[in-house]
Amino acid sequence: MKGLSADDLALLDAHSEVQRFRRKTMVWEAGDPAETIYWIRMGVVKVYRSAIGDRRHILEYYTKGALFGERAL
């Protein structure tokens, strides 16, 4: 992660719980309580808003090293 020292990353890693999600798994939905910060260690997370029908409006992509869910702070 940009801006963090090796010691900072080790501390973050020591206090993290690894979770693996299958492709297309919804990990958070609007209206859910913000209780978790996610650190992407591999893969891609797509944030989207549902649109008319089965369509989706992509808001953001997160890749390796990114954090999201900071509202949990």
Protein backbone atom coordinates (compact mmCIF):
# COMPACT_ATOMS: atom_id res chain seq x y z
CA MET A 1 0.00 0.00 0.00
CA LYS A 2 1.33 3.38 -0.95
CA GLY A 3 2.62 5.52 1.89
CA LEU A 4 2.85 2.76 4.49
CA SER A 5 6.12 1.45 5.84
CA ALA A 6 6.94 -2.24 6.12
CA ASP A 7 6.22 -1.98 9.88
CA ASP A 8 2.82 -0.39 9.22
CA LEU A 9 1.94 -3.14 6.74
CA ALA A 10 3.04 -5.83 9.21
CA LEU A 11 0.84 -4.27 11.91
CA LEU A 12 -2.13 -4.10 9.56
CA ASP A 13 -1.56 -7.71 8.52
CA ALA A 14 -1.33 -8.86 12.15
CA HIS A 15 -4.75 -7.34 12.90
CA SER A 16 -6.45 -8.55 9.74
CA GLU A 17 -8.74 -11.48 9.16
CA VAL A 18 -8.32 -13.10 5.77
CA GLN A 19 -11.55 -13.79 3.93
CA ARG A 20 -11.84 -15.22 0.46
CA PHE A 21 -14.83 -14.49 -1.73
CA ARG A 22 -15.94 -16.28 -4.85
CA ARG A 23 -16.29 -14.27 -8.00
CA LYS A 24 -19.46 -12.13 -8.12
CA THR A 25 -20.06 -12.43 -4.37
CA MET A 26 -21.70 -9.35 -2.87
CA VAL A 27 -19.71 -8.38 0.22
CA TRP A 28 -21.68 -5.27 1.17
CA GLU A 29 -24.98 -3.76 0.08
CA ALA A 30 -26.39 -0.26 0.50
CA GLY A 31 -28.27 -0.13 3.79
CA ASP A 32 -25.99 -2.66 5.51
CA PRO A 33 -24.13 -1.34 8.57
CA ALA A 34 -20.57 -0.21 7.81
CA GLU A 35 -18.62 -2.49 10.14
CA THR A 36 -15.68 -3.69 8.07
CA ILE A 37 -12.74 -2.20 6.23
CA TYR A 38 -11.61 -4.34 3.32
CA TRP A 39 -7.98 -4.55 2.19
CA ILE A 40 -7.73 -6.08 -1.26
CA ARG A 41 -4.82 -8.52 -1.23
CA MET A 42 -5.57 -10.05 -4.62
CA GLY A 43 -8.23 -9.76 -7.28
CA VAL A 44 -10.60 -6.93 -8.11
CA VAL A 45 -13.66 -5.52 -6.36
CA LYS A 46 -16.30 -3.74 -8.42
CA VAL A 47 -18.55 -1.20 -6.72
CA TYR A 48 -21.77 -0.52 -8.54
CA ARG A 49 -25.26 0.87 -8.18
CA SER A 50 -28.19 -1.08 -9.55
CA ALA A 51 -29.96 0.56 -12.45
CA ILE A 52 -33.15 -0.19 -14.33
CA GLY A 53 -33.69 -3.88 -14.94
CA ASP A 54 -30.59 -6.00 -14.45
CA ARG A 55 -28.25 -3.17 -15.44
CA ARG A 56 -25.52 -1.81 -13.17
CA HIS A 57 -23.77 1.53 -13.07
CA ILE A 58 -20.09 0.96 -12.14
CA LEU A 59 -18.91 3.48 -9.55
CA GLU A 60 -15.42 2.21 -8.74
CA TYR A 61 -12.93 -0.62 -9.21
CA TYR A 62 -10.58 -1.57 -6.38
CA THR A 63 -7.47 -3.66 -7.05
CA LYS A 64 -4.63 -5.20 -5.05
CA GLY A 65 -3.50 -2.95 -2.21
CA ALA A 66 -6.66 -0.81 -2.09
CA LEU A 67 -8.79 -0.23 0.99
CA PHE A 68 -12.53 0.33 0.97
CA GLY A 69 -15.21 0.43 3.62
CA GLU A 70 -13.57 3.28 5.50
CA ARG A 71 -16.99 4.42 6.75
CA ALA A 72 -16.55 1.70 9.37
CA LEU A 73 -14.03 3.95 11.09
